[in-house]
Each structure stands twice: as C-alpha cells, then as structure tokens.
C-alpha cells in the first residue's frame, strides 16, 4: 500500500501527528480486537476511503501499484 497515486501529494497534517495515510492505517489496526485478523483488501478499503474523505479526493492510496521511475530523492538534514 502506498500513500498516494503517481503524481499526487501524500498529505501530512500536524493535527494528526502523522501523514494522513499513516494516521488512518494505525487507527484501523488499533481498532482491530486482540487476535482479530483483518484482510489486506478490507484494510485498504477502510483506510483509502478515510484518506480520500480527509483530503477531499486529493490523495488516493494505491494497493498493488506499479513502479514508475524507480528512483528516490536523496534525503539530508539541514
């Protein structure tokens, strides 16, 4: 699962304390009862709907996407 479709921004919100995808992913995992199994497709459906709603459709998580570009930016500190 990736946070956003190709060409989209993965939104961060300080009020959530995480990126939007991370917040809803962690929330859904925490909501599962002890020993409860949640299928990946079900988890994706729950999280993606919440992310799309929170970002008014500007961020669309992807499941089983394709690799494009195959490069990552260098990260550094300032």
N, C-alpha and C. Protein backbone atom coordinates (compact mmCIF):
# COMPACT_ATOMS: atom_id res chain seq x y z
N UNK A 1 0.86 -1.16 0.00
CA UNK A 1 0.00 0.00 0.00
C UNK A 1 0.91 1.23 0.00
N UNK A 2 0.63 2.14 -0.90
CA UNK A 2 1.36 3.40 -0.92
C UNK A 2 0.40 4.53 -0.58
N UNK A 3 0.95 5.63 -0.12
CA UNK A 3 0.14 6.73 0.40
C UNK A 3 -0.65 7.46 -0.66
N UNK A 4 -0.13 7.52 -1.89
CA UNK A 4 -0.80 8.32 -2.92
C UNK A 4 -0.49 7.76 -4.30
N UNK A 5 -1.37 8.08 -5.23
CA UNK A 5 -1.17 7.67 -6.62
C UNK A 5 -0.02 8.47 -7.22
N UNK A 6 0.52 7.98 -8.32
CA UNK A 6 1.61 8.64 -9.02
C UNK A 6 1.19 10.07 -9.37
N UNK A 7 2.02 11.03 -9.06
CA UNK A 7 1.73 12.42 -9.36
C UNK A 7 0.92 13.14 -8.29
N UNK A 8 0.54 12.45 -7.21
CA UNK A 8 -0.20 13.08 -6.12
C UNK A 8 0.72 13.36 -4.94
N UNK A 9 0.26 14.21 -4.06
CA UNK A 9 0.98 14.52 -2.83
C UNK A 9 0.46 13.64 -1.70
N UNK A 10 1.35 13.09 -0.90
CA UNK A 10 0.96 12.38 0.31
C UNK A 10 0.90 13.43 1.42
N UNK A 11 -0.31 13.77 1.83
CA UNK A 11 -0.53 14.88 2.75
C UNK A 11 -0.12 14.55 4.18
N UNK A 12 0.44 15.54 4.85
CA UNK A 12 0.80 15.47 6.26
C UNK A 12 -0.05 16.51 6.98
N UNK A 13 -0.52 16.17 8.15
CA UNK A 13 -1.27 17.14 8.96
C UNK A 13 -0.75 17.09 10.39
N UNK A 14 -0.25 18.21 10.85
CA UNK A 14 0.30 18.25 12.21
C UNK A 14 -0.75 17.90 13.26
N UNK A 15 -2.02 18.22 12.97
CA UNK A 15 -3.10 17.90 13.92
C UNK A 15 -3.26 16.39 14.11
N UNK A 16 -2.88 15.62 13.10
CA UNK A 16 -2.99 14.16 13.19
C UNK A 16 -1.74 13.53 13.80
N UNK A 17 -0.63 14.26 13.77
CA UNK A 17 0.62 13.72 14.29
C UNK A 17 1.30 12.76 13.35
N UNK A 18 0.78 12.60 12.15
CA UNK A 18 1.29 11.68 11.13
C UNK A 18 0.87 12.19 9.77
N UNK A 19 1.35 11.49 8.76
CA UNK A 19 0.76 11.68 7.44
C UNK A 19 -0.67 11.16 7.50
N UNK A 20 -1.50 11.59 6.56
CA UNK A 20 -2.91 11.19 6.57
C UNK A 20 -3.05 9.68 6.45
N UNK A 21 -2.33 9.06 5.52
CA UNK A 21 -2.42 7.59 5.37
C UNK A 21 -1.97 6.89 6.65
N UNK A 22 -0.84 7.30 7.20
CA UNK A 22 -0.32 6.66 8.41
C UNK A 22 -1.32 6.75 9.56
N UNK A 23 -1.94 7.91 9.71
CA UNK A 23 -2.90 8.09 10.80
C UNK A 23 -4.05 7.10 10.69
N UNK A 24 -4.66 7.01 9.51
CA UNK A 24 -5.81 6.13 9.36
C UNK A 24 -5.42 4.65 9.36
N UNK A 25 -4.25 4.33 8.84
CA UNK A 25 -3.77 2.95 8.87
C UNK A 25 -3.55 2.51 10.32
N UNK A 26 -2.87 3.32 11.09
CA UNK A 26 -2.64 2.98 12.50
C UNK A 26 -3.94 2.93 13.29
N UNK A 27 -4.87 3.82 12.97
CA UNK A 27 -6.16 3.83 13.66
C UNK A 27 -6.94 2.54 13.40
N UNK A 28 -6.97 2.10 12.16
CA UNK A 28 -7.69 0.87 11.82
C UNK A 28 -7.02 -0.35 12.44
N UNK A 29 -5.71 -0.38 12.46
CA UNK A 29 -5.01 -1.52 13.07
C UNK A 29 -5.24 -1.55 14.57
N UNK A 30 -5.27 -0.39 15.20
CA UNK A 30 -5.51 -0.33 16.64
C UNK A 30 -6.94 -0.70 16.99
N UNK A 31 -7.87 -0.44 16.06
CA UNK A 31 -9.28 -0.73 16.32
C UNK A 31 -9.58 -2.23 16.26
N UNK A 32 -8.73 -2.98 15.59
CA UNK A 32 -8.94 -4.43 15.50
C UNK A 32 -8.77 -5.04 16.89
N UNK A 33 -9.63 -5.95 17.23
CA UNK A 33 -9.55 -6.61 18.53
C UNK A 33 -8.34 -7.53 18.61
N UNK A 34 -7.93 -7.87 19.80
CA UNK A 34 -6.80 -8.77 20.01
C UNK A 34 -7.05 -10.08 19.29
N UNK A 35 -6.11 -10.50 18.47
CA UNK A 35 -6.23 -11.75 17.75
C UNK A 35 -7.10 -11.68 16.51
N UNK A 36 -7.74 -10.53 16.26
CA UNK A 36 -8.58 -10.37 15.09
C UNK A 36 -7.72 -10.27 13.83
N UNK A 37 -8.15 -10.94 12.79
CA UNK A 37 -7.44 -10.89 11.52
C UNK A 37 -8.21 -9.97 10.58
N UNK A 38 -7.50 -9.02 10.00
CA UNK A 38 -8.09 -8.10 9.04
C UNK A 38 -7.40 -8.31 7.71
N UNK A 39 -8.17 -8.65 6.69
CA UNK A 39 -7.60 -8.89 5.38
C UNK A 39 -7.04 -7.60 4.78
N UNK A 40 -6.01 -7.74 3.95
CA UNK A 40 -5.38 -6.59 3.35
C UNK A 40 -6.35 -5.77 2.50
N UNK A 41 -7.16 -6.44 1.71
CA UNK A 41 -8.12 -5.72 0.85
C UNK A 41 -9.14 -4.95 1.69
N UNK A 42 -9.59 -5.55 2.78
CA UNK A 42 -10.53 -4.88 3.67
C UNK A 42 -9.87 -3.68 4.34
N UNK A 43 -8.66 -3.87 4.82
CA UNK A 43 -7.92 -2.79 5.45
C UNK A 43 -7.71 -1.65 4.47
N UNK A 44 -7.31 -1.98 3.24
CA UNK A 44 -7.13 -0.95 2.21
C UNK A 44 -8.43 -0.19 1.97
N UNK A 45 -9.54 -0.89 1.81
CA UNK A 45 -10.82 -0.23 1.55
C UNK A 45 -11.18 0.75 2.66
N UNK A 46 -11.00 0.34 3.91
CA UNK A 46 -11.31 1.20 5.05
C UNK A 46 -10.42 2.43 5.08
N UNK A 47 -9.12 2.22 4.94
CA UNK A 47 -8.16 3.31 5.03
C UNK A 47 -8.29 4.26 3.84
N UNK A 48 -8.37 3.71 2.63
CA UNK A 48 -8.44 4.55 1.43
C UNK A 48 -9.66 5.47 1.45
N UNK A 49 -10.78 4.95 1.90
CA UNK A 49 -12.00 5.78 1.96
C UNK A 49 -11.81 6.95 2.92
N UNK A 50 -11.18 6.70 4.06
CA UNK A 50 -10.96 7.77 5.04
C UNK A 50 -9.95 8.79 4.53
N UNK A 51 -8.91 8.31 3.87
CA UNK A 51 -7.89 9.22 3.32
C UNK A 51 -8.51 10.11 2.23
N UNK A 52 -9.27 9.50 1.34
CA UNK A 52 -9.92 10.28 0.27
C UNK A 52 -10.87 11.33 0.85
N UNK A 53 -11.63 10.95 1.87
CA UNK A 53 -12.56 11.88 2.50
C UNK A 53 -11.80 13.02 3.18
N UNK A 54 -10.76 12.71 3.92
CA UNK A 54 -9.99 13.74 4.66
C UNK A 54 -9.32 14.72 3.72
N UNK A 55 -8.86 14.22 2.56
CA UNK A 55 -8.13 15.08 1.61
C UNK A 55 -9.01 15.56 0.47
N UNK A 56 -10.30 15.35 0.57
CA UNK A 56 -11.28 15.76 -0.44
C UNK A 56 -10.85 15.25 -1.82
N UNK A 57 -10.43 13.98 -1.86
CA UNK A 57 -10.07 13.33 -3.11
C UNK A 57 -8.73 13.70 -3.69
N UNK A 58 -7.93 14.48 -2.97
CA UNK A 58 -6.61 14.88 -3.48
C UNK A 58 -5.54 13.83 -3.24
N UNK A 59 -5.80 12.87 -2.37
CA UNK A 59 -4.85 11.80 -2.09
C UNK A 59 -5.58 10.48 -2.19
N UNK A 60 -5.08 9.60 -3.06
CA UNK A 60 -5.71 8.31 -3.31
C UNK A 60 -4.70 7.19 -3.11
N UNK A 61 -4.76 6.52 -1.95
CA UNK A 61 -3.83 5.43 -1.71
C UNK A 61 -3.93 4.36 -2.80
N UNK A 62 -2.82 3.66 -3.03
CA UNK A 62 -2.75 2.66 -4.08
C UNK A 62 -2.38 1.31 -3.47
N UNK A 63 -3.07 0.29 -3.90
CA UNK A 63 -2.75 -1.08 -3.49
C UNK A 63 -2.35 -1.84 -4.74
N UNK A 64 -1.24 -2.52 -4.68
CA UNK A 64 -0.74 -3.29 -5.82
C UNK A 64 -0.45 -2.38 -7.02
N UNK A 65 0.19 -1.26 -6.77
CA UNK A 65 0.53 -0.31 -7.83
C UNK A 65 1.70 -0.81 -8.67
N UNK A 66 2.15 0.04 -9.53
CA UNK A 66 3.29 -0.29 -10.37
C UNK A 66 4.42 0.68 -10.08
N UNK A 67 5.61 0.23 -10.32
CA UNK A 67 6.80 1.04 -10.09
C UNK A 67 7.05 1.89 -11.32
N UNK A 68 7.17 3.19 -11.12
CA UNK A 68 7.45 4.10 -12.23
C UNK A 68 8.62 4.98 -11.84
N UNK A 69 9.61 5.08 -12.71
CA UNK A 69 10.74 5.94 -12.41
C UNK A 69 11.86 5.25 -11.66
N UNK A 70 11.54 4.41 -10.72
CA UNK A 70 12.49 3.62 -9.95
C UNK A 70 13.63 4.45 -9.36
N UNK A 71 13.35 5.65 -8.90
CA UNK A 71 14.38 6.42 -8.23
C UNK A 71 13.77 7.15 -7.04
N UNK A 72 14.58 7.35 -6.04
CA UNK A 72 14.15 8.07 -4.84
C UNK A 72 15.05 9.28 -4.65
N UNK A 73 14.53 10.36 -4.10
CA UNK A 73 15.36 11.54 -3.86
C UNK A 73 16.34 11.28 -2.72
N UNK A 74 17.44 11.98 -2.76
CA UNK A 74 18.37 11.92 -1.63
C UNK A 74 17.76 12.68 -0.46
N UNK A 75 17.92 12.17 0.71
CA UNK A 75 17.42 12.84 1.91
C UNK A 75 18.61 13.37 2.69
N UNK A 76 18.45 14.50 3.27
CA UNK A 76 19.53 15.08 4.05
C UNK A 76 19.00 15.87 5.21
N UNK A 77 19.87 16.39 5.99
CA UNK A 77 19.49 17.21 7.12
C UNK A 77 19.95 18.63 6.86
N UNK A 78 19.27 19.55 7.47
CA UNK A 78 19.65 20.96 7.31
C UNK A 78 20.15 21.52 8.61
